[in-house]
Structures are given as C-alpha cells and as structure tokens.
C-alpha cells in the first residue's frame, strides 16, 4: 500500500478595497487558520483505499491511522510505502505487527499513487467542497 496525508482548511485572505484618495479604508477581519488532515493508503493491485479525516498531522494521528489499516486488513501482511515526514519516523510511532514501513527517497512524490490521486482530486475541487461542508458542520456542532 502507498500512504500519504494532506492538509485542508481555511485561511483568511485579506483583499484590497477601494477608498477615496488620501483616506485609509477600515476593514474589519478575523484571521482564521483552521486545518484538518486526511490520511489515505491505497493498494495499487486492487485499488482498495483506506482513508481517515483526523485533526492533526503527528505521530498520534499516524498511530490511529495505522491501527485502522491493520484492523481492516488483519489477515494480511502489509508493505506500506510512505514519505519521510517526521511523524513517520517518530520513536513513539506504534507500527502494528502486520505492517512493515518502507520510506520513499526524498523529493519523489511521483513514486506515490496517493500523491497523484490527491493532486487530481484537489484540482477539480471535490475534496475542497467536501471539506468545506464538513468544516461547517464541525463548527456548527461545536457551537451547540
């Protein structure tokens, strides 16, 4: 399986506005930086995809993801290719017994099918539209 994660979210964009010459416009804004992360692993043989939406990109979230992959494929041994992100090599990372990690060479995203899939789906906006809706529901849920 090939694994990767991606960050999606909102960032406030401060834009220009019109004002008469010599007058400084007053525009109120709130800086928002809110992210969520998707973790995915795909099998190039049969196209099976495992994905999770998690709040962080760190070894704790990676442990959750690896445990989920291990649970779904408990009767198989998995060779998982991934990049060399710091949390992939963290000493606190717990790798299940049926998963073996192999790391790609640095700066080689073209070797990972998940990277290619992420670029294609990001360009047509499907993931962005889904996550915008999901973030709206999440914000609504936490304000109740």
Protein backbone atom coordinates (compact mmCIF):
# COMPACT_ATOMS: atom_id res chain seq x y z
CA UNK A 1 0.00 0.00 0.00
CA UNK A 2 1.05 3.58 -0.58
CA UNK A 3 0.28 6.13 2.14
CA UNK A 4 0.10 9.91 2.27
CA UNK A 5 -1.65 12.69 4.14
CA UNK A 6 -2.90 16.08 3.03
CA UNK A 7 -3.88 19.29 4.81
CA UNK A 8 -7.11 21.10 4.01
CA UNK A 9 -8.59 24.12 5.65
CA UNK A 10 -9.36 27.79 5.71
CA UNK A 11 -7.04 30.77 5.71
CA UNK A 12 -8.33 34.33 5.80
CA UNK A 13 -7.38 36.23 2.67
CA UNK A 14 -7.01 39.96 3.18
CA UNK A 15 -8.03 41.66 -0.05
CA UNK A 16 -7.72 45.16 -1.42
CA UNK A 17 -10.66 47.53 -1.26
CA UNK A 18 -11.44 50.92 -2.77
CA UNK A 19 -11.27 54.17 -0.81
CA UNK A 20 -11.08 57.83 -1.85
CA UNK A 21 -7.55 59.16 -2.33
CA UNK A 22 -5.89 60.21 0.91
CA UNK A 23 -8.24 58.15 3.05
CA UNK A 24 -7.31 54.87 4.64
CA UNK A 25 -10.10 52.27 4.48
CA UNK A 26 -11.10 50.47 7.65
CA UNK A 27 -11.85 46.83 7.08
CA UNK A 28 -12.55 44.51 9.96
CA UNK A 29 -11.35 40.96 9.62
CA UNK A 30 -10.54 37.99 11.73
CA UNK A 31 -7.52 35.90 10.91
CA UNK A 32 -8.61 32.29 10.57
CA UNK A 33 -6.27 29.38 10.18
CA UNK A 34 -8.18 26.17 10.61
CA UNK A 35 -6.99 22.88 9.19
CA UNK A 36 -7.93 19.25 9.05
CA UNK A 37 -5.89 16.39 7.67
CA UNK A 38 -6.78 13.42 5.52
CA UNK A 39 -4.77 10.23 5.75
CA UNK A 40 -5.04 7.74 2.91
CA UNK A 41 -3.47 4.47 1.84
CA UNK A 42 -4.19 2.78 -1.47
CA UNK A 43 -3.34 -0.65 -2.80
CA UNK A 44 -2.13 -0.38 -6.42
CA UNK A 45 -3.06 -4.03 -7.06
CA UNK A 46 -6.79 -3.89 -6.38
CA UNK A 47 -7.43 -0.15 -5.85
CA UNK A 48 -8.62 -0.58 -2.25
CA UNK A 49 -8.49 2.72 -0.39
CA UNK A 50 -8.40 3.35 3.36
CA UNK A 51 -8.83 6.96 4.44
CA UNK A 52 -9.48 8.87 7.64
CA UNK A 53 -10.06 12.53 8.43
CA UNK A 54 -8.07 13.44 11.54
CA UNK A 55 -7.47 16.73 13.37
CA UNK A 56 -3.66 16.69 13.37
CA UNK A 57 -0.62 15.52 11.45
CA UNK A 58 1.59 13.93 14.10
CA UNK A 59 2.61 10.53 15.42
CA UNK A 60 -0.59 10.20 17.49
CA UNK A 61 -2.82 10.60 14.42
CA UNK A 62 -0.50 8.33 12.44
CA UNK A 63 -0.87 5.66 15.13
CA UNK A 64 -4.67 5.90 14.79
CA UNK A 65 -4.40 5.56 11.01
CA UNK A 66 -2.00 2.59 11.12
CA UNK A 67 -4.22 0.84 13.66
CA UNK A 68 -7.25 1.33 11.39
CA UNK A 69 -5.39 -0.07 8.35
CA UNK A 70 -4.18 -3.00 10.45
CA UNK A 71 -7.73 -3.67 11.69
CA UNK A 72 -9.24 -3.61 8.19
CA UNK A 73 -6.57 -5.95 6.81
CA UNK A 74 -5.94 -8.05 9.91
CA UNK A 75 -5.46 -11.27 7.92
CA UNK A 76 -2.86 -9.78 5.54
CA UNK A 77 0.73 -8.59 5.79
CA UNK A 78 1.04 -5.03 4.51
CA UNK A 79 4.07 -3.38 3.00
CA UNK A 80 3.35 0.36 3.33
CA UNK A 81 5.35 2.91 1.33
CA UNK A 82 5.39 6.47 2.66
CA UNK A 83 7.39 9.67 2.55
CA UNK A 84 9.85 10.61 5.29
CA UNK A 85 7.70 13.05 7.27
CA UNK A 86 8.99 13.49 10.81
CA UNK A 87 5.99 11.75 12.41
CA UNK A 88 6.51 8.70 10.13
CA UNK A 89 9.88 8.10 11.77
CA UNK A 90 8.96 9.20 15.31
CA UNK A 91 10.17 6.95 18.13
CA UNK A 92 6.66 6.96 19.62
CA UNK A 93 5.10 5.61 16.40
CA UNK A 94 3.47 2.24 17.08
CA UNK A 95 3.59 0.07 13.97
CA UNK A 96 1.17 -2.90 14.12
CA UNK A 97 2.66 -6.38 13.67
CA UNK A 98 1.12 -6.93 10.22
CA UNK A 99 2.50 -3.66 8.74
CA UNK A 100 6.07 -3.05 7.54
CA UNK A 101 7.03 0.54 6.69
CA UNK A 102 9.27 1.44 3.75
CA UNK A 103 10.26 5.03 3.04
CA UNK A 104 10.45 6.70 -0.37
CA UNK A 105 13.52 8.66 -1.39
CA UNK A 106 13.31 12.39 -0.56
CA UNK A 107 11.61 14.70 -3.09
CA UNK A 108 9.96 11.89 -5.06
CA UNK A 109 6.18 12.36 -4.83
CA UNK A 110 5.77 10.96 -8.35
CA UNK A 111 6.50 7.49 -6.92
CA UNK A 112 3.40 7.59 -4.73
CA UNK A 113 -0.02 6.97 -6.38
CA UNK A 114 -1.78 8.66 -3.44
CA UNK A 115 0.07 11.92 -4.23
CA UNK A 116 -1.07 11.73 -7.85
CA UNK A 117 -4.67 10.98 -6.83
CA UNK A 118 -4.62 13.87 -4.34
CA UNK A 119 -3.42 16.34 -6.96
CA UNK A 120 -6.11 15.29 -9.44
CA UNK A 121 -8.96 15.41 -6.93
CA UNK A 122 -7.69 18.69 -5.46
CA UNK A 123 -7.68 20.34 -8.88
CA UNK A 124 -11.33 19.61 -9.60
CA UNK A 125 -12.34 20.79 -6.15
CA UNK A 126 -14.17 17.67 -4.94
CA UNK A 127 -12.15 17.35 -1.77
CA UNK A 128 -12.25 21.08 -1.11
CA UNK A 129 -16.04 21.20 -1.46
CA UNK A 130 -16.49 18.17 0.78
CA UNK A 131 -14.17 19.52 3.47
CA UNK A 132 -15.74 22.99 3.38
CA UNK A 133 -19.10 21.38 4.15
CA UNK A 134 -17.55 19.13 6.78
CA UNK A 135 -15.84 22.09 8.50
CA UNK A 136 -19.15 23.98 8.52
CA UNK A 137 -20.88 21.05 10.22
CA UNK A 138 -17.98 20.66 12.64
CA UNK A 139 -18.12 24.36 13.59
CA UNK A 140 -21.91 24.16 13.99
CA UNK A 141 -21.65 21.03 16.13
CA UNK A 142 -19.07 22.54 18.49
CA UNK A 143 -21.09 25.74 18.94
CA UNK A 144 -24.19 23.90 20.15
